[in-house]
Amino acid sequence: MIGVFDSGIGGLTVARALRRAVPDARIVYFGDVARMPFGNKSAATVTQYSREIGAYLIKRGARLLVVACNTASAVAAETLRQELSVPVFDVISPAVRAAVALPGVRRIGVLGTRGTVASGAYQRAIRAAGSARVQAVACPMFVPIVEEGFAGTPEGRAIVRRTLSALASERPDAVILGCTHYPLLRPAIRAALPGVTLIDSRTVADEVQRALASDPRLAAACRRSRGNALEVVVTDRTEHFVRFAARIMHHPVRCTVVPHEELELSGAAPARAAALRSARRPRARSPR
């Protein structure tokens, strides 16, 4: 089983990409709706939430973990790699690797929430990976545009165009969509940045596919033997989540509620971490 988590609903775009990349895998998606958003929480709090969710997903049988949240990827992914016994993939590293690998890339733009841009995670990763210049743009209106259904409207496209006007004048070679909601704005972003290569967090699905292809034991541990290919678990079920999840996945989505108070709070304890490391589950070398 592959465990995927985000603070809310946007990470379902990653789950959808994983279903296409590894169609025989079983995926459990965890949306921490009751405690969203993560972007306005401290790094310590986000790390604690991530530990709790990771422990829950491993208890459910996850043999590989995808942190489908930019904030958690920036502040908690490395801690999870150190403490958990399964491979941990974040959404920042694959997107950066894909961007810097483009032939002749000199300028890379990053679009994200205020929290993601302020964290500097993408900027640091791009500078560490090569000599490309990076310009990060906070796009606070993009998530509301998507969630309120304005992505394909003239009003929505106008907001995207205004938000990206300064970046468009810089003529970047590639732009990373640094939020899991942003793939749903691709047409509007592409129209505002004509000729620019767009890269988003779904690139993590390609890296997971390669990891499973190189490790048959891990692939077998993640393979679906029966039941649904995707299960969605949330800490709070709202009609908005259910409707929007159906739009992302292109079919109705059933949600199981696990109150956040019931999450495995001992996931951060050293004894629990040691027990997880000693479980010796199949694993692959995860990207850093």
Protein backbone atom coordinates (compact mmCIF):
# COMPACT_ATOMS: atom_id res chain seq x y z
CA MET A 1 0.00 0.00 0.00
CA ILE A 2 1.11 3.56 -0.75
CA GLY A 3 0.19 6.17 1.85
CA VAL A 4 -0.37 9.73 0.64
CA PHE A 5 -1.19 12.72 2.82
CA ASP A 6 -1.89 16.41 2.61
CA SER A 7 -3.39 18.99 4.93
CA GLY A 8 -6.59 18.94 2.90
CA ILE A 9 -7.82 18.09 -0.56
CA GLY A 10 -5.16 19.36 -2.99
CA GLY A 11 -2.97 16.27 -2.59
CA LEU A 12 -5.63 14.25 -4.40
CA THR A 13 -4.03 15.57 -7.60
CA VAL A 14 -0.94 13.60 -6.54
CA ALA A 15 -3.05 10.54 -5.72
CA ARG A 16 -4.63 10.79 -9.18
CA ALA A 17 -1.20 10.95 -10.81
CA LEU A 18 -0.06 7.94 -8.76
CA ARG A 19 -3.07 5.92 -9.92
CA ARG A 20 -2.05 6.57 -13.50
CA ALA A 21 1.65 5.88 -12.90
CA VAL A 22 1.18 2.71 -10.80
CA PRO A 23 -2.34 1.48 -11.58
CA ASP A 24 -1.92 -1.82 -9.71
CA ALA A 25 -1.04 -0.12 -6.40
CA ARG A 26 -3.37 0.35 -3.47
CA ILE A 27 -3.42 3.96 -2.29
CA VAL A 28 -4.75 5.36 0.98
CA TYR A 29 -5.06 9.14 0.92
CA PHE A 30 -5.19 11.02 4.22
CA GLY A 31 -6.55 14.57 4.27
CA ASP A 32 -6.16 16.36 7.61
CA VAL A 33 -9.18 18.56 6.97
CA ALA A 34 -9.86 19.33 10.62
CA ARG A 35 -6.40 20.88 11.11
CA MET A 36 -5.87 22.51 7.72
CA PRO A 37 -4.18 24.62 6.51
CA PHE A 38 -0.66 23.63 7.48
CA GLY A 39 0.84 26.78 5.96
CA ASN A 40 0.01 28.99 8.94
CA LYS A 41 1.28 26.50 11.53
CA SER A 42 4.75 26.39 13.06
CA ALA A 43 7.32 23.94 11.72
CA ALA A 44 7.14 22.01 15.01
CA THR A 45 3.37 21.64 14.76
CA VAL A 46 3.45 20.55 11.11
CA THR A 47 6.17 18.02 11.92
CA GLN A 48 4.09 16.62 14.78
CA TYR A 49 1.00 16.34 12.56
CA SER A 50 3.10 14.63 9.88
CA ARG A 51 4.47 12.14 12.41
CA GLU A 52 0.97 11.29 13.57
CA ILE A 53 -0.33 10.81 10.05
CA GLY A 54 2.72 8.82 8.99
CA ALA A 55 2.31 6.51 11.99
CA TYR A 56 -1.37 6.03 11.16
CA LEU A 57 -0.68 5.18 7.52
CA ILE A 58 2.07 2.72 8.45
CA LYS A 59 -0.26 1.08 10.94
CA ARG A 60 -2.75 0.76 8.09
CA GLY A 61 -0.10 -1.06 6.04
CA ALA A 62 1.67 1.64 4.04
CA ARG A 63 5.03 0.46 2.68
CA LEU A 64 5.82 3.77 0.98
CA LEU A 65 4.84 7.29 2.00
CA VAL A 66 4.23 10.32 -0.23
CA VAL A 67 4.09 13.72 1.48
CA ALA A 68 1.69 15.42 -0.92
CA CYS A 69 1.87 18.73 0.90
CA ASN A 70 4.37 21.45 0.11
CA THR A 71 4.52 22.77 3.66
CA ALA A 72 5.03 19.32 5.19
CA SER A 73 7.55 18.48 2.46
CA ALA A 74 9.55 21.57 3.35
CA VAL A 75 9.64 21.13 7.12
CA ALA A 76 8.86 17.49 7.98
CA ALA A 77 9.88 15.13 5.15
CA GLU A 78 13.48 14.75 6.30
CA THR A 79 12.37 14.00 9.87
CA LEU A 80 10.03 11.30 8.58
CA ARG A 81 12.87 9.78 6.54
CA GLN A 82 15.00 9.58 9.65
CA GLU A 83 12.29 8.13 11.89
CA LEU A 84 10.24 5.83 9.67
CA SER A 85 11.13 2.45 8.22
CA VAL A 86 9.54 3.06 4.81
CA PRO A 87 10.68 5.18 1.85
CA VAL A 88 9.41 8.76 2.11
CA PHE A 89 8.89 10.89 -1.02
CA ASP A 90 8.20 14.62 -0.90
CA VAL A 91 6.74 16.81 -3.65
CA ILE A 92 9.48 19.47 -3.72
CA SER A 93 12.55 17.44 -4.70
CA PRO A 94 11.07 15.72 -7.81
CA ALA A 95 9.74 19.00 -9.22
CA VAL A 96 13.08 20.74 -8.70
CA ARG A 97 14.99 17.86 -10.31
CA ALA A 98 12.67 17.95 -13.31
CA ALA A 99 13.09 21.71 -13.70
CA VAL A 100 16.88 21.88 -13.46
CA ALA A 101 17.21 18.89 -15.83
CA LEU A 102 15.58 20.80 -18.69
CA PRO A 103 18.09 21.57 -21.48
CA GLY A 104 19.36 25.14 -21.35
CA VAL A 105 17.26 26.19 -18.38
CA ARG A 106 18.45 29.52 -16.96
CA ARG A 107 15.45 31.00 -15.20
CA ILE A 108 12.99 29.06 -13.07
CA GLY A 109 9.86 30.50 -11.57
CA VAL A 110 8.09 29.07 -8.53
CA LEU A 111 4.42 29.64 -7.78
CA GLY A 112 3.21 28.87 -4.29
CA THR A 113 1.20 29.92 -1.30
CA ARG A 114 2.59 32.67 0.89
CA GLY A 115 3.82 30.08 3.37
CA THR A 116 5.60 27.96 0.78
CA VAL A 117 7.28 30.96 -0.85
CA ALA A 118 8.28 32.39 2.54
CA SER A 119 9.82 29.07 3.58
CA GLY A 120 12.36 29.37 0.76
CA ALA A 121 12.33 25.57 0.31
CA TYR A 122 12.07 25.64 -3.48
CA GLN A 123 14.52 28.51 -3.82
CA ARG A 124 17.16 26.73 -1.75
CA ALA A 125 16.66 23.43 -3.58
CA ILE A 126 16.98 25.06 -7.01
CA ARG A 127 20.11 27.00 -6.07
CA ALA A 128 21.67 23.88 -4.58
CA ALA A 129 20.91 21.88 -7.72
CA GLY A 130 22.40 24.22 -10.31
CA SER A 131 23.06 27.75 -11.49
CA ALA A 132 19.55 28.69 -12.65
CA ARG A 133 18.10 31.93 -11.39
CA VAL A 134 14.89 31.55 -9.39
CA GLN A 135 11.97 33.88 -8.87
CA ALA A 136 9.23 32.85 -6.45
CA VAL A 137 5.76 34.36 -6.62
CA ALA A 138 3.16 34.06 -3.87
CA CYS A 139 -0.30 33.37 -5.33
CA PRO A 140 -2.76 33.68 -2.43
CA MET A 141 -5.83 33.77 -4.67
CA PHE A 142 -5.12 30.59 -6.61
CA VAL A 143 -6.46 28.09 -4.07
CA PRO A 144 -9.76 29.98 -3.58
CA ILE A 145 -10.14 30.26 -7.36
CA VAL A 146 -9.81 26.50 -7.69
CA GLU A 147 -11.94 25.52 -4.72
CA GLU A 148 -14.75 27.94 -5.55
CA GLY A 149 -14.96 26.75 -9.15
CA PHE A 150 -13.58 29.83 -10.92
CA ALA A 151 -10.58 28.15 -12.58
CA GLY A 152 -12.11 28.17 -16.05
CA THR A 153 -13.97 31.49 -15.85
CA PRO A 154 -12.92 34.84 -17.33
CA GLU A 155 -12.66 36.23 -13.80
CA GLY A 156 -10.37 33.43 -12.68
CA ARG A 157 -8.16 33.73 -15.76
CA ALA A 158 -7.89 37.50 -15.21
CA ILE A 159 -6.71 37.04 -11.62
CA VAL A 160 -4.11 34.48 -12.75
CA ARG A 161 -2.90 36.81 -15.50
CA ARG A 162 -2.54 39.77 -13.12
CA THR A 163 -0.80 37.69 -10.46
CA LEU A 164 1.75 36.39 -12.97
CA SER A 165 2.29 39.56 -15.01
CA ALA A 166 5.63 40.44 -13.38
CA LEU A 167 6.89 36.87 -13.74
CA ALA A 168 5.81 36.79 -17.39
CA SER A 169 7.97 39.85 -18.09
CA GLU A 170 11.00 37.91 -16.79
CA ARG A 171 10.41 35.18 -19.42
CA PRO A 172 11.33 32.13 -17.29
CA ASP A 173 12.25 28.89 -19.04
CA ALA A 174 10.28 26.76 -16.58
CA VAL A 175 7.80 27.35 -13.79
CA ILE A 176 7.16 25.00 -10.88
CA LEU A 177 3.60 24.90 -9.63
CA GLY A 178 4.43 24.66 -5.94
CA CYS A 179 0.97 23.81 -4.62
CA THR A 180 -1.06 20.68 -5.16
CA HIS A 181 -4.10 22.75 -6.18
CA TYR A 182 -2.28 24.47 -9.03
CA PRO A 183 -2.39 21.63 -11.60
CA LEU A 184 -6.12 22.38 -11.76
CA LEU A 185 -5.20 25.89 -12.98
CA ARG A 186 -2.85 24.71 -15.72
CA PRO A 187 -4.84 26.15 -18.67
CA ALA A 188 -5.02 29.61 -17.09
CA ILE A 189 -1.36 29.55 -16.02
CA ARG A 190 -0.27 28.34 -19.45
CA ALA A 191 -2.22 31.19 -21.07
CA ALA A 192 -0.55 33.72 -18.74
CA LEU A 193 2.92 32.26 -19.36
CA PRO A 194 2.93 31.20 -23.01
CA GLY A 195 5.81 29.00 -24.09
CA VAL A 196 6.93 28.25 -20.52
CA THR A 197 7.38 24.64 -19.40
CA LEU A 198 5.13 23.96 -16.42
CA ILE A 199 6.20 21.41 -13.80
CA ASP A 200 4.09 20.41 -10.84
CA SER A 201 4.03 18.19 -7.78
CA ARG A 202 2.68 15.27 -9.79
CA THR A 203 6.27 14.59 -10.88
CA VAL A 204 6.59 12.65 -7.63
CA ALA A 205 4.44 9.94 -9.23
CA ASP A 206 7.15 9.34 -11.84
CA GLU A 207 9.79 8.90 -9.12
CA VAL A 208 7.56 6.50 -7.20
CA GLN A 209 7.00 4.51 -10.39
CA ARG A 210 10.76 4.24 -10.96
CA ALA A 211 11.36 3.23 -7.35
CA LEU A 212 8.81 0.43 -7.57
CA ALA A 213 10.16 -0.72 -10.93
CA SER A 214 13.64 -1.05 -9.42
CA ASP A 215 12.49 -2.90 -6.29
CA PRO A 216 10.15 -5.86 -6.99
CA ARG A 217 9.70 -6.60 -3.28
CA LEU A 218 8.56 -3.06 -2.57
CA ALA A 219 6.31 -3.11 -5.63
CA ALA A 220 4.70 -6.33 -4.41
CA ALA A 221 4.17 -4.82 -0.95
CA CYS A 222 2.37 -1.83 -2.50
CA ARG A 223 0.30 -3.86 -4.96
CA ARG A 224 -3.45 -4.05 -4.60
CA SER A 225 -4.70 -7.59 -4.00
CA ARG A 226 -8.38 -6.73 -3.60
CA GLY A 227 -10.69 -3.86 -2.82
CA ASN A 228 -10.65 -0.33 -4.16
CA ALA A 229 -7.53 1.17 -5.69
CA LEU A 230 -8.05 4.36 -3.67
CA GLU A 231 -9.31 4.89 -0.13
CA VAL A 232 -9.78 8.39 1.25
CA VAL A 233 -9.48 9.08 4.98
CA VAL A 234 -10.14 12.51 6.50
CA THR A 235 -10.16 14.05 9.95
CA ASP A 236 -13.38 15.89 9.08
CA ARG A 237 -15.89 15.16 6.32
CA THR A 238 -17.43 18.20 4.67
CA GLU A 239 -19.73 18.41 1.68
CA HIS A 240 -17.23 20.75 0.06
CA PHE A 241 -14.50 18.12 0.34
CA VAL A 242 -16.73 15.40 -1.08
CA ARG A 243 -17.83 17.52 -4.06
CA PHE A 244 -14.35 18.81 -4.84
CA ALA A 245 -12.76 15.37 -4.44
CA ALA A 246 -15.20 14.03 -7.04
CA ARG A 247 -14.14 16.81 -9.41
CA ILE A 248 -10.47 15.95 -9.00
CA MET A 249 -10.88 12.18 -9.28
CA HIS A 250 -13.64 12.31 -11.94
CA HIS A 251 -15.87 9.99 -9.92
CA PRO A 252 -17.61 10.00 -6.51
CA VAL A 253 -15.28 9.53 -3.55
CA ARG A 254 -16.25 7.91 -0.27
CA CYS A 255 -14.55 9.29 2.82
CA THR A 256 -13.81 7.54 6.10
CA VAL A 257 -13.55 9.88 9.09
CA VAL A 258 -10.78 9.38 11.65
CA PRO A 259 -10.93 12.22 14.23
CA HIS A 260 -7.51 13.74 14.71
CA GLU A 261 -7.73 13.04 18.44
CA GLU A 262 -7.61 9.34 17.58
CA LEU A 263 -4.45 9.54 15.52
CA GLU A 264 -1.52 7.60 16.84
CA LEU A 265 -0.03 10.30 19.00
CA SER A 266 2.83 8.05 19.98
CA GLY A 267 4.20 8.32 16.45
CA ALA A 268 6.74 10.87 17.66
CA ALA A 269 7.96 8.81 20.60
CA PRO A 270 11.49 7.40 20.35
CA ALA A 271 10.29 3.92 21.27
CA ARG A 272 7.75 3.99 18.47
CA ALA A 273 10.33 5.28 16.00
CA ALA A 274 12.72 2.50 17.01
CA ALA A 275 9.97 -0.09 16.61
CA LEU A 276 9.20 1.20 13.13
CA ARG A 277 12.86 1.06 12.11
CA SER A 278 13.17 -2.51 13.39
CA ALA A 279 10.17 -3.72 11.39
CA ARG A 280 12.47 -4.22 8.38
CA ARG A 281 9.81 -3.70 5.77
CA PRO A 282 10.78 -3.75 2.05
CA ARG A 283 12.20 -0.42 1.11
CA ALA A 284 13.86 1.49 -1.72
CA ARG A 285 16.29 4.34 -1.62
CA SER A 286 14.09 7.41 -1.54
CA PRO A 287 15.18 10.68 -3.14
CA ARG A 288 16.39 13.50 -1.00
